[in-house]
Amino acid sequence: MRLWSLHPRHFDRQALTACWREGLLAQAVIIEPGRGYSHHPQLRRFRHTENPHSAIGDYLSAIADEAEARGYHFVREKIRTTGAREDMAVTDQQLAYEWGHLLAKMQQRSVGVWERWQSLSFPDPHPMFTVIPGPIAEWEKLAPPG
């Protein structure tokens, strides 16, 4: 499961659709604990919000907004709850790590998208994240170098 902290405008088609699918899975697990990925480490940041149900719904809404901007149709009715968007923190090093990870994926599968973004040194965060100084998140599973 990958719930990117990056702004969805930076995603290639595959990242956008995978993030939607995995966000819906995260929503199901947050709303009904005990399901498949209940203990997935990336869910911690949503569970630590004031209202985890609306936090994941707000996260999904931004993914759906980007899909609409690209002419895709993600079924918004699958988003169960939204609310007054609660800003969540993401560290600068976490965002940089995710950016490198996404760029590597796009270089392999979406060269045109990679070419558009590869010179960007630091991406925008997902609209509900505020960037703060700090290390890579403790929940992140680091990919082996190379």
N, C-alpha and C. Protein backbone atom coordinates (compact mmCIF):
# COMPACT_ATOMS: atom_id res chain seq x y z
N MET A 1 0.86 -1.17 0.00
CA MET A 1 0.00 0.00 0.00
C MET A 1 0.90 1.23 0.00
N ARG A 2 0.61 2.17 -0.90
CA ARG A 2 1.37 3.42 -0.95
C ARG A 2 0.37 4.55 -0.99
N LEU A 3 0.31 5.31 0.09
CA LEU A 3 -0.50 6.51 0.14
C LEU A 3 0.47 7.69 0.09
N TRP A 4 0.71 8.15 -1.13
CA TRP A 4 1.71 9.18 -1.37
C TRP A 4 1.43 10.46 -0.60
N SER A 5 2.48 11.09 -0.14
CA SER A 5 2.38 12.42 0.47
C SER A 5 2.54 13.50 -0.59
N LEU A 6 2.84 13.10 -1.81
CA LEU A 6 3.06 14.01 -2.93
C LEU A 6 1.74 14.53 -3.49
N HIS A 7 1.80 15.69 -4.09
CA HIS A 7 0.60 16.22 -4.76
C HIS A 7 0.28 15.31 -5.95
N PRO A 8 -0.99 14.94 -6.12
CA PRO A 8 -1.35 14.03 -7.22
C PRO A 8 -1.05 14.58 -8.61
N ARG A 9 -0.82 15.89 -8.74
CA ARG A 9 -0.48 16.43 -10.08
C ARG A 9 0.83 15.85 -10.59
N HIS A 10 1.67 15.38 -9.68
CA HIS A 10 2.96 14.82 -10.06
C HIS A 10 2.87 13.36 -10.52
N PHE A 11 1.74 12.72 -10.32
CA PHE A 11 1.60 11.29 -10.60
C PHE A 11 1.47 11.01 -12.09
N ASP A 12 2.00 9.87 -12.50
CA ASP A 12 1.65 9.35 -13.81
C ASP A 12 0.30 8.62 -13.66
N ARG A 13 -0.22 8.14 -14.75
CA ARG A 13 -1.54 7.48 -14.72
C ARG A 13 -1.54 6.31 -13.76
N GLN A 14 -0.49 5.53 -13.76
CA GLN A 14 -0.43 4.34 -12.91
C GLN A 14 -0.43 4.72 -11.43
N ALA A 15 0.32 5.74 -11.06
CA ALA A 15 0.36 6.16 -9.65
C ALA A 15 -0.99 6.73 -9.22
N LEU A 16 -1.62 7.46 -10.12
CA LEU A 16 -2.92 8.05 -9.79
C LEU A 16 -3.97 6.97 -9.55
N THR A 17 -4.05 6.02 -10.45
CA THR A 17 -5.06 4.96 -10.29
C THR A 17 -4.73 4.04 -9.12
N ALA A 18 -3.45 3.74 -8.92
CA ALA A 18 -3.07 2.89 -7.78
C ALA A 18 -3.34 3.59 -6.46
N CYS A 19 -3.07 4.88 -6.40
CA CYS A 19 -3.31 5.63 -5.18
C CYS A 19 -4.81 5.67 -4.85
N TRP A 20 -5.64 5.82 -5.86
CA TRP A 20 -7.08 5.79 -5.66
C TRP A 20 -7.51 4.43 -5.11
N ARG A 21 -7.06 3.38 -5.75
CA ARG A 21 -7.42 2.02 -5.34
C ARG A 21 -6.93 1.73 -3.91
N GLU A 22 -5.70 2.09 -3.62
CA GLU A 22 -5.14 1.81 -2.31
C GLU A 22 -5.72 2.73 -1.25
N GLY A 23 -6.10 3.95 -1.64
CA GLY A 23 -6.79 4.85 -0.72
C GLY A 23 -8.15 4.32 -0.35
N LEU A 24 -8.85 3.73 -1.32
CA LEU A 24 -10.15 3.13 -1.01
C LEU A 24 -9.98 1.94 -0.06
N LEU A 25 -8.94 1.16 -0.27
CA LEU A 25 -8.65 0.06 0.65
C LEU A 25 -8.34 0.60 2.05
N ALA A 26 -7.55 1.65 2.12
CA ALA A 26 -7.23 2.26 3.41
C ALA A 26 -8.50 2.77 4.09
N GLN A 27 -9.38 3.38 3.31
CA GLN A 27 -10.65 3.86 3.86
C GLN A 27 -11.43 2.71 4.48
N ALA A 28 -11.53 1.60 3.78
CA ALA A 28 -12.28 0.44 4.29
C ALA A 28 -11.67 -0.06 5.59
N VAL A 29 -10.36 -0.09 5.66
CA VAL A 29 -9.67 -0.60 6.85
C VAL A 29 -9.83 0.37 8.02
N ILE A 30 -9.80 1.67 7.75
CA ILE A 30 -9.96 2.66 8.82
C ILE A 30 -11.39 2.64 9.36
N ILE A 31 -12.36 2.49 8.46
CA ILE A 31 -13.77 2.48 8.88
C ILE A 31 -14.13 1.17 9.57
N GLU A 32 -13.59 0.06 9.07
CA GLU A 32 -13.89 -1.25 9.65
C GLU A 32 -12.59 -1.95 10.04
N PRO A 33 -12.03 -1.59 11.20
CA PRO A 33 -10.76 -2.21 11.62
C PRO A 33 -10.87 -3.73 11.68
N GLY A 34 -9.76 -4.37 11.49
CA GLY A 34 -9.74 -5.83 11.52
C GLY A 34 -9.68 -6.44 10.14
N ARG A 35 -9.83 -5.61 9.11
CA ARG A 35 -9.74 -6.11 7.74
C ARG A 35 -8.27 -6.26 7.35
N GLY A 36 -8.03 -6.73 6.16
CA GLY A 36 -6.71 -7.09 5.63
C GLY A 36 -5.51 -6.29 6.05
N TYR A 37 -5.48 -4.99 5.80
CA TYR A 37 -4.28 -4.20 6.05
C TYR A 37 -4.43 -3.32 7.29
N SER A 38 -5.17 -3.78 8.27
CA SER A 38 -5.47 -2.97 9.46
C SER A 38 -4.24 -2.38 10.14
N HIS A 39 -3.14 -3.11 10.10
CA HIS A 39 -1.96 -2.66 10.82
C HIS A 39 -0.90 -2.07 9.90
N HIS A 40 -1.30 -1.72 8.68
CA HIS A 40 -0.32 -1.17 7.74
C HIS A 40 0.25 0.13 8.32
N PRO A 41 1.56 0.28 8.32
CA PRO A 41 2.18 1.44 8.95
C PRO A 41 1.75 2.79 8.36
N GLN A 42 1.43 2.86 7.07
CA GLN A 42 1.05 4.15 6.49
C GLN A 42 -0.30 4.64 7.01
N LEU A 43 -1.08 3.77 7.62
CA LEU A 43 -2.38 4.20 8.14
C LEU A 43 -2.24 4.96 9.44
N ARG A 44 -1.09 4.87 10.11
CA ARG A 44 -0.90 5.54 11.40
C ARG A 44 -1.18 7.03 11.32
N ARG A 45 -0.68 7.67 10.28
CA ARG A 45 -0.83 9.13 10.21
C ARG A 45 -2.29 9.54 10.05
N PHE A 46 -3.11 8.69 9.44
CA PHE A 46 -4.53 9.00 9.34
C PHE A 46 -5.23 8.71 10.67
N ARG A 47 -4.83 7.63 11.30
CA ARG A 47 -5.44 7.26 12.58
C ARG A 47 -5.12 8.26 13.69
N HIS A 48 -4.04 9.02 13.54
CA HIS A 48 -3.66 9.99 14.56
C HIS A 48 -4.32 11.35 14.36
N THR A 49 -5.23 11.43 13.42
CA THR A 49 -5.96 12.69 13.22
C THR A 49 -7.18 12.72 14.14
N GLU A 50 -7.79 13.88 14.21
CA GLU A 50 -8.99 14.03 15.04
C GLU A 50 -10.13 13.15 14.52
N ASN A 51 -10.26 13.06 13.19
CA ASN A 51 -11.31 12.25 12.60
C ASN A 51 -10.73 11.44 11.44
N PRO A 52 -10.24 10.24 11.73
CA PRO A 52 -9.60 9.42 10.68
C PRO A 52 -10.50 9.14 9.47
N HIS A 53 -11.81 8.96 9.70
CA HIS A 53 -12.72 8.67 8.58
C HIS A 53 -12.74 9.82 7.59
N SER A 54 -12.87 11.06 8.09
CA SER A 54 -12.89 12.16 7.14
C SER A 54 -11.49 12.48 6.61
N ALA A 55 -10.44 12.19 7.37
CA ALA A 55 -9.08 12.44 6.88
C ALA A 55 -8.79 11.60 5.64
N ILE A 56 -9.13 10.32 5.68
CA ILE A 56 -8.87 9.49 4.49
C ILE A 56 -9.82 9.89 3.36
N GLY A 57 -11.04 10.31 3.68
CA GLY A 57 -11.96 10.79 2.65
C GLY A 57 -11.46 12.07 1.99
N ASP A 58 -10.90 12.96 2.78
CA ASP A 58 -10.34 14.19 2.23
C ASP A 58 -9.12 13.89 1.36
N TYR A 59 -8.32 12.92 1.79
CA TYR A 59 -7.17 12.48 1.00
C TYR A 59 -7.64 11.97 -0.37
N LEU A 60 -8.65 11.12 -0.36
CA LEU A 60 -9.20 10.56 -1.60
C LEU A 60 -9.82 11.65 -2.48
N SER A 61 -10.43 12.65 -1.88
CA SER A 61 -11.06 13.72 -2.66
C SER A 61 -10.04 14.44 -3.53
N ALA A 62 -8.85 14.67 -3.00
CA ALA A 62 -7.81 15.33 -3.80
C ALA A 62 -7.35 14.44 -4.96
N ILE A 63 -7.34 13.14 -4.73
CA ILE A 63 -6.98 12.20 -5.81
C ILE A 63 -8.07 12.26 -6.90
N ALA A 64 -9.32 12.26 -6.48
CA ALA A 64 -10.44 12.34 -7.43
C ALA A 64 -10.43 13.67 -8.18
N ASP A 65 -10.06 14.76 -7.50
CA ASP A 65 -9.97 16.07 -8.16
C ASP A 65 -8.95 16.03 -9.30
N GLU A 66 -7.80 15.43 -9.04
CA GLU A 66 -6.78 15.33 -10.08
C GLU A 66 -7.25 14.44 -11.23
N ALA A 67 -7.91 13.36 -10.89
CA ALA A 67 -8.44 12.47 -11.94
C ALA A 67 -9.41 13.23 -12.83
N GLU A 68 -10.31 14.00 -12.24
CA GLU A 68 -11.26 14.79 -13.02
C GLU A 68 -10.54 15.80 -13.91
N ALA A 69 -9.52 16.45 -13.36
CA ALA A 69 -8.76 17.43 -14.14
C ALA A 69 -8.13 16.80 -15.37
N ARG A 70 -7.85 15.50 -15.30
CA ARG A 70 -7.25 14.78 -16.43
C ARG A 70 -8.29 14.11 -17.32
N GLY A 71 -9.56 14.25 -16.98
CA GLY A 71 -10.61 13.66 -17.80
C GLY A 71 -10.97 12.23 -17.42
N TYR A 72 -10.46 11.76 -16.29
CA TYR A 72 -10.82 10.43 -15.79
C TYR A 72 -12.07 10.54 -14.93
N HIS A 73 -12.72 9.44 -14.73
CA HIS A 73 -13.90 9.44 -13.86
C HIS A 73 -13.69 8.43 -12.74
N PHE A 74 -13.33 8.94 -11.56
CA PHE A 74 -13.25 8.11 -10.37
C PHE A 74 -14.59 8.30 -9.65
N VAL A 75 -15.18 7.24 -9.21
CA VAL A 75 -16.51 7.30 -8.61
C VAL A 75 -16.42 7.89 -7.21
N ARG A 76 -16.72 9.19 -7.12
CA ARG A 76 -16.63 9.91 -5.83
C ARG A 76 -17.56 9.33 -4.77
N GLU A 77 -18.62 8.68 -5.21
CA GLU A 77 -19.56 8.10 -4.25
C GLU A 77 -18.90 7.02 -3.39
N LYS A 78 -17.73 6.55 -3.81
CA LYS A 78 -16.99 5.56 -3.01
C LYS A 78 -16.32 6.21 -1.80
N ILE A 79 -16.21 7.53 -1.81
CA ILE A 79 -15.65 8.24 -0.66
C ILE A 79 -16.76 8.35 0.38
N ARG A 80 -16.57 7.70 1.50
CA ARG A 80 -17.66 7.61 2.49
C ARG A 80 -17.87 8.87 3.30
N THR A 81 -16.80 9.54 3.68
CA THR A 81 -16.92 10.71 4.55
C THR A 81 -15.82 11.70 4.23
N THR A 82 -16.16 12.98 4.24
CA THR A 82 -15.17 14.05 4.17
C THR A 82 -15.50 15.01 5.30
N GLY A 83 -14.66 15.97 5.50
CA GLY A 83 -14.91 16.92 6.59
C GLY A 83 -14.16 18.21 6.36
N ALA A 84 -14.06 18.98 7.43
CA ALA A 84 -13.24 20.19 7.37
C ALA A 84 -11.80 19.69 7.33
N ARG A 85 -11.18 19.82 6.18
CA ARG A 85 -9.88 19.20 5.97
C ARG A 85 -8.90 19.54 7.09
N GLU A 86 -8.36 18.52 7.68
CA GLU A 86 -7.38 18.65 8.75
C GLU A 86 -5.99 18.54 8.13
N ASP A 87 -5.19 19.59 8.31
CA ASP A 87 -3.83 19.53 7.79
C ASP A 87 -3.02 18.51 8.59
N MET A 88 -2.24 17.76 7.87
CA MET A 88 -1.36 16.77 8.46
C MET A 88 0.06 17.13 8.09
N ALA A 89 1.00 16.78 8.94
CA ALA A 89 2.40 17.10 8.69
C ALA A 89 3.07 15.97 7.91
N VAL A 90 3.98 16.36 7.05
CA VAL A 90 4.89 15.43 6.38
C VAL A 90 6.26 16.08 6.42
N THR A 91 7.27 15.30 6.71
CA THR A 91 8.60 15.89 6.79
C THR A 91 9.20 16.10 5.40
N ASP A 92 10.11 17.04 5.34
CA ASP A 92 10.76 17.33 4.06
C ASP A 92 11.54 16.11 3.56
N GLN A 93 12.16 15.37 4.47
CA GLN A 93 12.92 14.19 4.03
C GLN A 93 12.01 13.06 3.57
N GLN A 94 10.82 12.93 4.20
CA GLN A 94 9.85 11.93 3.75
C GLN A 94 9.39 12.27 2.34
N LEU A 95 9.06 13.54 2.12
CA LEU A 95 8.59 13.97 0.81
C LEU A 95 9.70 13.76 -0.24
N ALA A 96 10.93 14.08 0.11
CA ALA A 96 12.05 13.89 -0.82
C ALA A 96 12.25 12.40 -1.12
N TYR A 97 12.11 11.56 -0.11
CA TYR A 97 12.25 10.12 -0.33
C TYR A 97 11.16 9.62 -1.28
N GLU A 98 9.92 10.01 -1.03
CA GLU A 98 8.82 9.58 -1.89
C GLU A 98 9.02 10.10 -3.31
N TRP A 99 9.53 11.33 -3.44
CA TRP A 99 9.74 11.91 -4.76
C TRP A 99 10.76 11.08 -5.55
N GLY A 100 11.84 10.72 -4.91
CA GLY A 100 12.84 9.88 -5.57
C GLY A 100 12.26 8.52 -5.96
N HIS A 101 11.45 7.97 -5.08
CA HIS A 101 10.81 6.67 -5.33
C HIS A 101 9.87 6.75 -6.53
N LEU A 102 9.04 7.79 -6.56
CA LEU A 102 8.10 7.95 -7.68
C LEU A 102 8.85 8.24 -8.98
N LEU A 103 9.86 9.09 -8.93
CA LEU A 103 10.62 9.38 -10.15
C LEU A 103 11.24 8.11 -10.74
N ALA A 104 11.77 7.25 -9.87
CA ALA A 104 12.37 6.00 -10.36
C ALA A 104 11.32 5.13 -11.05
N LYS A 105 10.12 5.07 -10.47
CA LYS A 105 9.05 4.29 -11.09
C LYS A 105 8.66 4.88 -12.44
N MET A 106 8.53 6.21 -12.48
CA MET A 106 8.10 6.86 -13.72
C MET A 106 9.17 6.76 -14.82
N GLN A 107 10.42 6.77 -14.43
CA GLN A 107 11.49 6.64 -15.42
C GLN A 107 11.37 5.29 -16.15
N GLN A 108 10.88 4.29 -15.46
CA GLN A 108 10.73 2.96 -16.04
C GLN A 108 9.45 2.81 -16.87
N ARG A 109 8.36 3.42 -16.40
CA ARG A 109 7.06 3.11 -17.02
C ARG A 109 6.39 4.27 -17.73
N SER A 110 6.80 5.51 -17.46
CA SER A 110 6.15 6.69 -18.04
C SER A 110 7.21 7.75 -18.35
N VAL A 111 8.03 7.48 -19.32
CA VAL A 111 9.19 8.33 -19.60
C VAL A 111 8.78 9.78 -19.87
N GLY A 112 7.67 9.99 -20.57
CA GLY A 112 7.23 11.36 -20.85
C GLY A 112 6.90 12.13 -19.58
N VAL A 113 6.25 11.49 -18.65
CA VAL A 113 5.92 12.13 -17.37
C VAL A 113 7.21 12.35 -16.57
N TRP A 114 8.08 11.36 -16.58
CA TRP A 114 9.36 11.48 -15.89
C TRP A 114 10.15 12.67 -16.45
N GLU A 115 10.19 12.83 -17.77
CA GLU A 115 10.93 13.94 -18.37
C GLU A 115 10.37 15.29 -17.93
N ARG A 116 9.05 15.35 -17.77
CA ARG A 116 8.43 16.61 -17.35
C ARG A 116 8.83 16.98 -15.92
N TRP A 117 8.98 15.99 -15.06
CA TRP A 117 9.17 16.27 -13.64
C TRP A 117 10.60 16.04 -13.13
N GLN A 118 11.44 15.34 -13.84
CA GLN A 118 12.73 14.92 -13.28
C GLN A 118 13.64 16.07 -12.86
N SER A 119 13.49 17.24 -13.41
CA SER A 119 14.35 18.36 -13.02
C SER A 119 13.80 19.13 -11.80
N LEU A 120 12.59 18.79 -11.38
CA LEU A 120 12.01 19.44 -10.19
C LEU A 120 12.71 18.89 -8.96
N SER A 121 13.36 19.76 -8.20
CA SER A 121 14.14 19.28 -7.06
C SER A 121 13.26 18.92 -5.87
N PHE A 122 12.16 19.63 -5.70
CA PHE A 122 11.30 19.33 -4.55
C PHE A 122 9.85 19.50 -4.97
N PRO A 123 9.05 18.45 -4.81
CA PRO A 123 7.66 18.47 -5.27
C PRO A 123 6.73 19.16 -4.27
N ASP A 124 5.53 19.45 -4.74
CA ASP A 124 4.49 19.94 -3.84
C ASP A 124 3.92 18.75 -3.07
N PRO A 125 3.48 19.00 -1.84
CA PRO A 125 2.83 17.93 -1.08
C PRO A 125 1.37 17.80 -1.49
N HIS A 126 0.77 16.66 -1.16
CA HIS A 126 -0.68 16.48 -1.28
C HIS A 126 -1.33 17.66 -0.57
N PRO A 127 -2.46 18.16 -1.05
CA PRO A 127 -3.07 19.36 -0.48
C PRO A 127 -3.34 19.32 1.03
N MET A 128 -3.47 18.13 1.61
CA MET A 128 -3.76 18.10 3.05
C MET A 128 -2.51 18.00 3.91
N PHE A 129 -1.32 17.99 3.28
CA PHE A 129 -0.08 17.89 4.04
C PHE A 129 0.65 19.22 4.07
N THR A 130 1.22 19.51 5.23
CA THR A 130 2.08 20.67 5.42
C THR A 130 3.49 20.13 5.65
N VAL A 131 4.46 20.68 4.93
CA VAL A 131 5.83 20.20 5.03
C VAL A 131 6.53 20.84 6.22
N ILE A 132 7.15 19.98 7.03
CA ILE A 132 7.95 20.43 8.17
C ILE A 132 9.34 19.79 8.06
N PRO A 133 10.34 20.40 8.67
CA PRO A 133 11.67 19.77 8.66
C PRO A 133 11.64 18.46 9.44
N GLY A 134 12.37 17.48 8.95
CA GLY A 134 12.46 16.23 9.70
C GLY A 134 12.92 15.07 8.85
N PRO A 135 13.11 13.93 9.50
CA PRO A 135 13.62 12.74 8.84
C PRO A 135 12.54 11.98 8.08
N ILE A 136 12.96 10.94 7.40
CA ILE A 136 12.02 10.02 6.77
C ILE A 136 11.17 9.41 7.88
N ALA A 137 9.89 9.23 7.62
CA ALA A 137 8.95 8.73 8.63
C ALA A 137 9.35 7.35 9.13
N GLU A 138 9.09 7.10 10.40
CA GLU A 138 9.43 5.80 11.00
C GLU A 138 8.63 4.67 10.38
N TRP A 139 7.49 4.98 9.80
CA TRP A 139 6.66 3.92 9.20
C TRP A 139 7.08 3.56 7.79
N GLU A 140 7.94 4.37 7.20
CA GLU A 140 8.35 4.12 5.82
C GLU A 140 9.20 2.86 5.72
N LYS A 141 8.91 2.05 4.71
CA LYS A 141 9.73 0.88 4.41
C LYS A 141 10.70 1.30 3.32
N LEU A 142 11.95 1.48 3.69
CA LEU A 142 12.95 1.99 2.76
C LEU A 142 13.31 0.93 1.72
N ALA A 143 13.34 1.38 0.49
CA ALA A 143 13.75 0.49 -0.61
C ALA A 143 15.25 0.32 -0.56
N PRO A 144 15.75 -0.86 -0.92
CA PRO A 144 17.20 -1.04 -0.95
C PRO A 144 17.83 -0.09 -1.96
N PRO A 145 19.04 0.41 -1.68
CA PRO A 145 19.69 1.31 -2.63
C PRO A 145 19.90 0.65 -3.99
N GLY A 146 19.83 1.50 -5.02
CA GLY A 146 20.10 1.02 -6.38
C GLY A 146 18.89 0.49 -6.98
